[in-house]
Amino acid sequence: MRLTIFWERMAEHFGAVYAESFARDHVMSELGGRTVYGALEAGWEAKDVWRAVCAAVDVPADNR
């Protein structure tokens, strides 16, 4: 998954403004105690980060 698609999905689910806030501030156990930005900076693949977000906030299956 390209980062552009990842960010599009984040914006679709959370809204553009909250997606940024969530990615910056929400520490997730699914990402090893990192934020979305932290995981991406640590080298996690965007698809794996998206899967973790989906699991953490129950993104509907049709939006995954």
Protein backbone atom coordinates (compact mmCIF):
# COMPACT_ATOMS: atom_id res chain seq x y z
CA MET A 1 0.00 0.00 0.00
CA ARG A 2 1.34 3.41 -0.91
CA LEU A 3 1.35 6.13 1.71
CA THR A 4 -1.01 8.25 -0.37
CA ILE A 5 -3.63 5.51 -0.25
CA PHE A 6 -3.01 5.00 3.46
CA TRP A 7 -3.65 8.70 4.17
CA GLU A 8 -6.72 8.69 1.91
CA ARG A 9 -8.17 5.81 3.91
CA MET A 10 -7.35 7.54 7.19
CA ALA A 11 -9.12 10.70 5.99
CA GLU A 12 -12.13 8.73 4.75
CA HIS A 13 -12.54 6.99 8.09
CA PHE A 14 -11.67 9.77 10.55
CA GLY A 15 -12.08 12.94 8.50
CA ALA A 16 -9.05 14.90 7.31
CA VAL A 17 -8.46 16.91 10.48
CA TYR A 18 -9.01 14.13 13.01
CA ALA A 19 -6.94 11.66 10.97
CA GLU A 20 -3.91 13.91 11.48
CA SER A 21 -4.58 14.24 15.20
CA PHE A 22 -5.18 10.52 15.64
CA ALA A 23 -1.99 9.66 13.76
CA ARG A 24 0.07 12.06 15.83
CA ASP A 25 -1.39 11.55 19.30
CA HIS A 26 -2.98 8.10 19.68
CA VAL A 27 -0.52 5.51 21.02
CA MET A 28 -1.57 2.04 19.94
CA SER A 29 -0.62 -1.29 21.47
CA GLU A 30 -1.14 -2.82 18.02
CA LEU A 31 1.84 -0.74 16.87
CA GLY A 32 4.08 -1.71 19.73
CA GLY A 33 3.24 1.35 21.80
CA ARG A 34 3.75 3.75 18.92
CA THR A 35 1.61 6.31 17.18
CA VAL A 36 0.83 5.95 13.48
CA TYR A 37 3.58 8.44 12.68
CA GLY A 38 5.98 6.68 15.01
CA ALA A 39 5.34 3.32 13.37
CA LEU A 40 5.78 4.73 9.87
CA GLU A 41 9.00 6.48 10.91
CA ALA A 42 10.23 3.23 12.48
CA GLY A 43 9.88 1.53 9.11
CA TRP A 44 6.53 -0.21 9.41
CA GLU A 45 4.79 -0.83 6.10
CA ALA A 46 1.75 1.36 5.50
CA LYS A 47 -0.46 -1.72 4.96
CA ASP A 48 0.53 -3.10 8.37
CA VAL A 49 -0.15 0.23 10.05
CA TRP A 50 -3.55 0.41 8.32
CA ARG A 51 -4.38 -3.12 9.52
CA ALA A 52 -3.47 -2.10 13.07
CA VAL A 53 -5.67 0.99 12.84
CA CYS A 54 -8.53 -1.14 11.51
CA ALA A 55 -8.19 -3.55 14.41
CA ALA A 56 -7.90 -0.81 17.02
CA VAL A 57 -10.92 1.25 16.00
CA ASP A 58 -13.12 -1.37 14.33
CA VAL A 59 -13.07 0.00 10.80
CA PRO A 60 -15.95 -1.67 8.94
CA ALA A 61 -14.86 -4.56 6.73
CA ASP A 62 -15.98 -2.81 3.55
CA ASN A 63 -13.59 0.09 4.32
CA ARG A 64 -10.53 -2.01 5.05
